[in-house]
Amino acid sequence: MFSIVIPVWNARKTIRRTVESVFTQTYSVFELVIVDDGSSDGSIAAIADLTDPRLRLLLRPNGGAAAARNTGVQAAEAEWIAFLDGDDVWLPGHLEELDRIRAACPQADLIGTRFLDSDLQGRFDVPAQAAARIGTIRYFEEVGAGRRPFWIGSCAVRRRAWQAVGGFRARVPGDDSDFLVRVALDHEAAASTRRTSVYMHGTGGDIESRIERWRRGGPVTAVVTPGDIASCLDVLLAREKDVGADAMPSGTDAFVNFYVRSHLRTALQVHDITTARTVRRFYRGHCGWRDRLLFGVAALPVPLLRWIYRLARPIRRSLFGIRQPVAAGPDRARVRRLPC
């Protein structure tokens, strides 16, 4: 059995689709705990007619997604807790794949699958997938290499691991990645290469909201320490200080560089040259050619940078890795069309 925890805050337009993706799972032994985090837009009214006995609804004052997830886990009954946000969806075989992973890797306390990216424009296609590979992973190596083994909406954690790390930390930048890092530091992780969930862009989620504020020149946390990029980096580096670099999991440097690189790209996208230049000092080891190029771009005189932004948009999109919606194309087999 799985307990599924969905924190909801002002997700009236998306929560119905999210919940329906849970109830269409091929693995049906689960309970669904929805935690409304003080919504004011009628989110709960959008699912009020659902009467499935596996569904429980909890109400709490607004405290953020981390606190809402903790509330859900505390109320959940199963040993394994799966997470999903109120604006994302699972493909029908997601829980079944998680069940395969935990059966194949009984020593793991953190399990997950890869995922797709899409947006809210109409429908999207699920590409044909090769046979899945299931096994234990070196989490920091995987993330550092950009392979994205799972994210919070495609993973499940054993209750004892959630308890051991003290649950999700509220009010920190990137509380979901912060949680995954704290679990992965002391608990074995396993994953499937099958993509069984969809991260939806364009829903106004936390990450997108922060980037949009950044783009519009709103208040942005000055990057003084790695933790200003993401709190998970402070977690990782604090552990390194305690135990020494030699005792850290493999892939630590690559993991740090992945986050530095991502922050650099976003800073360049929103024309925040100060941040783009500042994050260079947190990069570890030798830079690959792409990273050297990006740091070199950030070091150019501002007038020249403005000229580049005006004239080199296609190159910029390629270098900065702006994600495109999942879409059909000559290299994508149209296996299943999922309404969104």
Protein backbone atom coordinates (compact mmCIF):
# COMPACT_ATOMS: atom_id res chain seq x y z
CA MET A 1 0.00 0.00 0.00
CA PHE A 2 1.02 3.59 -0.64
CA SER A 3 -0.18 6.74 1.05
CA ILE A 4 -0.28 9.62 -1.42
CA VAL A 5 0.08 13.16 -0.09
CA ILE A 6 -0.99 16.14 -2.20
CA PRO A 7 -0.54 19.66 -0.77
CA VAL A 8 -2.98 22.12 -2.35
CA TRP A 9 -2.87 25.88 -2.37
CA ASN A 10 -5.02 27.82 -4.83
CA ALA A 11 -4.96 25.07 -7.45
CA ARG A 12 -8.62 25.23 -8.49
CA LYS A 13 -7.79 25.04 -12.20
CA THR A 14 -5.53 21.98 -11.93
CA ILE A 15 -6.40 19.93 -8.83
CA ARG A 16 -9.19 17.96 -10.51
CA ARG A 17 -6.88 16.75 -13.25
CA THR A 18 -4.24 15.86 -10.66
CA VAL A 19 -6.61 13.82 -8.50
CA GLU A 20 -8.11 12.03 -11.49
CA SER A 21 -4.60 10.96 -12.52
CA VAL A 22 -4.30 9.25 -9.12
CA PHE A 23 -7.62 7.44 -9.39
CA THR A 24 -6.72 6.05 -12.83
CA GLN A 25 -3.64 4.23 -11.49
CA THR A 26 -3.28 0.59 -12.44
CA TYR A 27 -2.08 -0.07 -8.88
CA SER A 28 -5.13 0.57 -6.73
CA VAL A 29 -4.03 -0.22 -3.16
CA PHE A 30 -3.54 3.29 -1.83
CA GLU A 31 -5.00 6.08 0.22
CA LEU A 32 -5.01 9.67 -0.98
CA VAL A 33 -4.48 12.43 1.59
CA ILE A 34 -5.16 15.91 0.22
CA VAL A 35 -4.01 18.77 2.45
CA ASP A 36 -5.59 22.12 1.63
CA ASP A 37 -3.10 24.76 2.73
CA GLY A 38 -5.50 27.64 3.26
CA SER A 39 -6.69 27.97 -0.34
CA SER A 40 -8.86 30.97 -1.14
CA ASP A 41 -9.81 30.19 -4.75
CA GLY A 42 -12.27 27.33 -4.28
CA SER A 43 -9.75 24.53 -4.84
CA ILE A 44 -11.65 22.11 -2.62
CA ALA A 45 -14.96 22.88 -4.32
CA ALA A 46 -13.40 21.60 -7.55
CA ILE A 47 -13.16 18.09 -6.09
CA ALA A 48 -16.03 18.20 -3.59
CA ASP A 49 -18.11 15.72 -5.57
CA LEU A 50 -15.46 12.97 -5.43
CA THR A 51 -16.64 10.20 -3.12
CA ASP A 52 -13.94 7.55 -3.45
CA PRO A 53 -13.45 6.04 0.04
CA ARG A 54 -9.67 6.12 -0.42
CA LEU A 55 -9.75 9.94 -0.38
CA ARG A 56 -9.24 11.99 2.78
CA LEU A 57 -9.23 15.78 2.93
CA LEU A 58 -7.41 17.78 5.59
CA LEU A 59 -7.68 21.55 6.07
CA ARG A 60 -4.99 23.73 7.62
CA PRO A 61 -4.04 27.43 7.73
CA ASN A 62 -1.60 28.48 5.06
CA GLY A 63 1.94 27.48 5.99
CA GLY A 64 3.56 26.45 2.72
CA ALA A 65 3.94 23.20 0.81
CA ALA A 66 6.54 21.74 3.19
CA ALA A 67 4.30 22.11 6.24
CA ALA A 68 1.33 20.78 4.29
CA ARG A 69 3.28 17.69 3.21
CA ASN A 70 4.33 17.06 6.81
CA THR A 71 0.70 17.30 7.90
CA GLY A 72 -0.24 14.77 5.25
CA VAL A 73 2.50 12.33 6.18
CA GLN A 74 1.57 12.53 9.86
CA ALA A 75 -2.01 11.60 8.97
CA ALA A 76 -1.05 8.90 6.47
CA GLU A 77 -1.25 5.22 7.37
CA ALA A 78 1.10 3.42 4.97
CA GLU A 79 4.79 2.68 5.36
CA TRP A 80 5.51 4.21 1.95
CA ILE A 81 4.54 7.80 1.18
CA ALA A 82 4.30 9.06 -2.41
CA PHE A 83 4.10 12.76 -3.20
CA LEU A 84 2.35 14.75 -5.90
CA ASP A 85 1.70 18.47 -6.24
CA GLY A 86 -1.72 19.88 -7.03
CA ASP A 87 -0.74 21.02 -10.51
CA ASP A 88 1.09 17.93 -11.81
CA VAL A 89 -0.08 14.52 -13.01
CA TRP A 90 0.84 10.86 -12.94
CA LEU A 91 0.61 8.51 -15.88
CA PRO A 92 -1.53 5.43 -15.12
CA GLY A 93 1.39 3.10 -14.35
CA HIS A 94 3.23 5.31 -11.88
CA LEU A 95 2.36 3.56 -8.61
CA GLU A 96 2.80 0.18 -10.26
CA GLU A 97 6.34 1.18 -11.25
CA LEU A 98 7.08 2.39 -7.71
CA ASP A 99 5.88 -0.97 -6.43
CA ARG A 100 8.29 -2.74 -8.80
CA ILE A 101 11.18 -0.60 -7.56
CA ARG A 102 10.56 -1.27 -3.88
CA ALA A 103 10.22 -5.00 -4.59
CA ALA A 104 13.46 -5.08 -6.59
CA CYS A 105 15.40 -2.92 -4.11
CA PRO A 106 14.03 -3.69 -0.63
CA GLN A 107 16.98 -1.97 1.05
CA ALA A 108 16.10 1.42 -0.47
CA ASP A 109 14.23 4.05 1.54
CA LEU A 110 13.87 6.53 -1.33
CA ILE A 111 12.52 5.43 -4.70
CA GLY A 112 11.35 7.19 -7.82
CA THR A 113 10.94 7.35 -11.58
CA ARG A 114 11.95 9.74 -14.29
CA PHE A 115 9.42 12.24 -15.56
CA LEU A 116 8.22 14.29 -18.50
CA ASP A 117 7.93 18.05 -18.84
CA SER A 118 4.91 19.67 -20.45
CA ASP A 119 2.76 22.77 -20.34
CA LEU A 120 -0.93 23.60 -20.29
CA GLN A 121 -1.37 24.05 -24.02
CA GLY A 122 -3.97 21.51 -25.06
CA ARG A 123 -2.73 17.92 -25.09
CA PHE A 124 0.65 16.28 -25.02
CA ASP A 125 2.10 13.04 -26.31
CA VAL A 126 3.78 10.36 -24.23
CA PRO A 127 6.82 9.11 -26.15
CA ALA A 128 7.49 5.42 -26.64
CA GLN A 129 9.79 4.17 -23.90
CA ALA A 130 12.41 1.46 -23.87
CA ALA A 131 12.27 -1.31 -21.29
CA ALA A 132 12.82 0.19 -17.86
CA ARG A 133 16.02 -0.33 -15.90
CA ILE A 134 15.47 -0.61 -12.15
CA GLY A 135 18.22 -0.52 -9.56
CA THR A 136 19.92 1.38 -6.79
CA ILE A 137 21.46 4.70 -7.79
CA ARG A 138 24.12 7.11 -6.63
CA TYR A 139 21.76 10.03 -6.25
CA PHE A 140 24.28 12.87 -6.29
CA GLU A 141 26.07 11.48 -9.34
CA GLU A 142 22.79 11.14 -11.22
CA VAL A 143 21.62 14.68 -10.50
CA GLY A 144 25.08 16.09 -11.11
CA ALA A 145 25.13 14.49 -14.54
CA GLY A 146 21.77 16.07 -15.35
CA ARG A 147 19.94 12.75 -15.59
CA ARG A 148 17.15 13.78 -13.17
CA PRO A 149 16.40 10.31 -11.71
CA PHE A 150 13.23 11.60 -10.03
CA TRP A 151 11.69 14.67 -8.44
CA ILE A 152 9.32 15.15 -5.53
CA GLY A 153 6.26 14.39 -7.67
CA SER A 154 7.63 11.09 -8.95
CA CYS A 155 9.15 9.63 -5.79
CA ALA A 156 8.14 7.84 -2.62
CA VAL A 157 9.89 7.65 0.74
CA ARG A 158 9.72 5.10 3.49
CA ARG A 159 8.22 6.58 6.66
CA ARG A 160 11.29 5.80 8.75
CA ALA A 161 13.43 7.95 6.45
CA TRP A 162 10.99 10.85 6.66
CA GLN A 163 11.10 10.56 10.44
CA ALA A 164 14.89 10.27 10.55
CA VAL A 165 15.45 13.58 8.74
CA GLY A 166 12.66 15.41 10.56
CA GLY A 167 10.35 15.75 7.58
CA PHE A 168 10.28 18.69 5.20
CA ARG A 169 11.84 21.95 6.35
CA ALA A 170 9.45 24.88 5.96
CA ARG A 171 10.32 28.24 4.47
CA VAL A 172 13.61 27.28 2.85
CA PRO A 173 14.42 27.79 -0.85
CA GLY A 174 13.62 24.54 -2.64
CA ASP A 175 12.17 22.61 0.31
CA ASP A 176 11.53 19.58 -1.91
CA SER A 177 15.14 19.21 -3.13
CA ASP A 178 16.28 20.03 0.41
CA PHE A 179 14.29 17.04 1.67
CA LEU A 180 15.55 14.68 -1.03
CA VAL A 181 19.18 15.58 -0.31
CA ARG A 182 18.79 15.04 3.43
CA VAL A 183 17.26 11.62 2.80
CA ALA A 184 19.79 10.62 0.13
CA LEU A 185 22.73 11.49 2.39
CA ASP A 186 21.87 8.72 4.85
CA HIS A 187 19.52 6.36 3.03
CA GLU A 188 19.81 4.24 -0.08
CA ALA A 189 17.97 5.37 -3.19
CA ALA A 190 16.65 3.35 -6.12
CA ALA A 191 15.00 4.35 -9.36
CA SER A 192 13.43 3.26 -12.61
CA THR A 193 14.32 4.84 -15.93
CA ARG A 194 10.66 4.76 -16.97
CA ARG A 195 8.92 8.13 -17.14
CA THR A 196 5.67 7.86 -15.24
CA SER A 197 4.79 11.41 -14.15
CA VAL A 198 4.48 14.83 -15.73
CA TYR A 199 5.81 18.08 -14.35
CA MET A 200 3.48 20.77 -15.67
CA HIS A 201 4.89 24.18 -16.59
CA GLY A 202 2.80 27.32 -16.74
CA THR A 203 0.80 26.61 -13.60
CA GLY A 204 2.26 29.43 -11.51
CA GLY A 205 4.04 27.03 -9.17
CA ASP A 206 6.67 28.09 -6.66
CA ILE A 207 9.69 27.81 -8.96
CA GLU A 208 7.97 29.57 -11.84
CA SER A 209 6.68 32.33 -9.55
CA ARG A 210 10.16 33.00 -8.19
CA ILE A 211 11.65 33.14 -11.69
CA GLU A 212 8.87 35.47 -12.87
CA ARG A 213 9.49 37.83 -9.94
CA TRP A 214 13.18 37.71 -10.81
CA ARG A 215 12.44 38.44 -14.47
CA ARG A 216 10.34 41.47 -13.56
CA GLY A 217 12.98 42.90 -11.27
CA GLY A 218 11.19 42.00 -8.05
CA PRO A 219 12.93 41.19 -4.74
CA VAL A 220 15.57 38.51 -5.19
CA THR A 221 17.77 36.98 -2.51
CA ALA A 222 21.35 38.11 -3.04
CA VAL A 223 23.64 35.16 -3.67
CA VAL A 224 26.12 35.27 -0.81
CA THR A 225 26.38 31.55 0.02
CA PRO A 226 25.52 28.40 -1.94
CA GLY A 227 22.40 28.12 0.22
CA ASP A 228 21.06 31.25 -1.47
CA ILE A 229 20.92 29.21 -4.67
CA ALA A 230 19.17 26.26 -3.00
CA SER A 231 19.01 25.21 0.63
CA CYS A 232 20.05 21.67 -0.32
CA LEU A 233 23.54 23.00 -1.06
CA ASP A 234 23.86 24.30 2.49
CA VAL A 235 22.78 20.87 3.73
CA LEU A 236 25.37 19.14 1.58
CA LEU A 237 28.22 21.49 2.43
CA ALA A 238 27.44 21.44 6.15
CA ARG A 239 27.75 17.65 6.07
CA GLU A 240 31.00 17.93 4.16
CA LYS A 241 32.37 20.28 6.81
CA ASP A 242 31.44 17.80 9.54
CA VAL A 243 32.77 14.59 8.00
CA GLY A 244 35.35 15.78 5.47
CA ALA A 245 35.27 15.67 1.68
CA ASP A 246 36.60 12.10 1.51
CA ALA A 247 33.62 10.77 3.48
CA MET A 248 31.02 12.41 1.25
CA PRO A 249 28.94 10.48 -1.30
CA SER A 250 30.38 10.32 -4.79
CA GLY A 251 29.15 13.04 -7.10
CA THR A 252 29.01 15.83 -4.52
CA ASP A 253 31.01 18.29 -6.63
CA ALA A 254 28.97 17.53 -9.76
CA PHE A 255 25.77 18.01 -7.76
CA VAL A 256 26.89 21.45 -6.56
CA ASN A 257 27.93 22.40 -10.08
CA PHE A 258 24.55 21.34 -11.47
CA TYR A 259 22.79 23.84 -9.21
CA VAL A 260 25.35 26.57 -9.86
CA ARG A 261 24.96 26.04 -13.61
CA SER A 262 21.16 26.12 -13.41
CA HIS A 263 21.23 29.35 -11.40
CA LEU A 264 23.71 30.87 -13.82
CA ARG A 265 21.49 30.07 -16.80
CA THR A 266 18.41 31.52 -15.13
CA ALA A 267 20.32 34.65 -14.15
CA LEU A 268 21.39 35.15 -17.76
CA GLN A 269 17.86 34.52 -19.00
CA VAL A 270 16.46 37.28 -16.79
CA HIS A 271 19.43 39.61 -17.42
CA ASP A 272 20.68 39.52 -13.80
CA ILE A 273 24.35 39.95 -14.60
CA THR A 274 25.38 40.55 -10.98
CA THR A 275 24.13 37.12 -9.93
CA ALA A 276 25.52 35.46 -13.06
CA ARG A 277 28.97 36.76 -12.17
CA THR A 278 28.67 35.98 -8.45
CA VAL A 279 27.83 32.27 -8.70
CA ARG A 280 31.13 31.50 -10.46
CA ARG A 281 32.95 31.30 -7.13
CA PHE A 282 30.80 28.37 -6.01
CA TYR A 283 31.67 26.21 -9.01
CA ARG A 284 33.91 23.26 -8.14
CA GLY A 285 36.74 21.86 -10.17
CA HIS A 286 37.27 22.07 -13.92
CA CYS A 287 34.62 23.75 -16.08
CA GLY A 288 33.40 22.03 -19.22
CA TRP A 289 33.40 24.07 -22.42
CA ARG A 290 29.72 24.98 -22.16
CA ASP A 291 30.09 26.26 -18.61
CA ARG A 292 33.26 28.17 -19.51
CA LEU A 293 31.33 29.79 -22.33
CA LEU A 294 28.45 30.80 -20.06
CA PHE A 295 30.76 32.23 -17.42
CA GLY A 296 32.64 34.02 -20.18
CA VAL A 297 29.41 35.54 -21.47
CA ALA A 298 28.56 36.74 -17.95
CA ALA A 299 31.94 38.49 -17.72
CA LEU A 300 31.43 40.56 -20.88
CA PRO A 301 30.82 44.33 -20.66
CA VAL A 302 27.15 45.13 -20.14
CA PRO A 303 26.68 47.02 -23.46
CA LEU A 304 28.03 44.01 -25.34
CA LEU A 305 25.73 41.70 -23.39
CA ARG A 306 22.74 43.83 -24.38
CA TRP A 307 23.75 43.50 -28.01
CA ILE A 308 24.03 39.72 -27.63
CA TYR A 309 20.57 39.52 -26.05
CA ARG A 310 19.06 41.43 -28.95
CA LEU A 311 20.74 39.56 -31.78
CA ALA A 312 21.38 36.04 -30.52
CA ARG A 313 18.06 34.79 -29.15
CA PRO A 314 18.21 31.35 -30.89
CA ILE A 315 21.73 30.75 -29.60
CA ARG A 316 20.70 31.91 -26.15
CA ARG A 317 17.85 29.41 -26.04
CA SER A 318 20.24 26.60 -26.96
CA LEU A 319 22.95 27.57 -24.48
CA PHE A 320 20.70 28.30 -21.53
CA GLY A 321 18.71 25.11 -21.87
CA ILE A 322 15.18 26.55 -21.92
CA ARG A 323 12.89 23.56 -21.74
CA GLN A 324 10.31 22.96 -24.42
CA PRO A 325 6.94 21.29 -23.88
CA VAL A 326 6.74 17.59 -24.57
CA ALA A 327 5.37 17.39 -28.09
CA ALA A 328 4.93 14.96 -30.92
CA GLY A 329 7.56 14.93 -33.61
CA PRO A 330 9.24 12.63 -36.10
CA ASP A 331 11.29 11.02 -33.33
CA ARG A 332 8.38 10.57 -30.89
CA ALA A 333 5.97 7.69 -31.23
CA ARG A 334 2.38 8.63 -30.45
CA VAL A 335 1.64 5.99 -27.87
CA ARG A 336 -0.90 7.72 -25.65
CA ARG A 337 -2.57 11.09 -25.69
CA LEU A 338 -3.38 12.45 -22.26
CA PRO A 339 -5.74 15.40 -21.85
CA CYS A 340 -4.46 18.33 -19.86
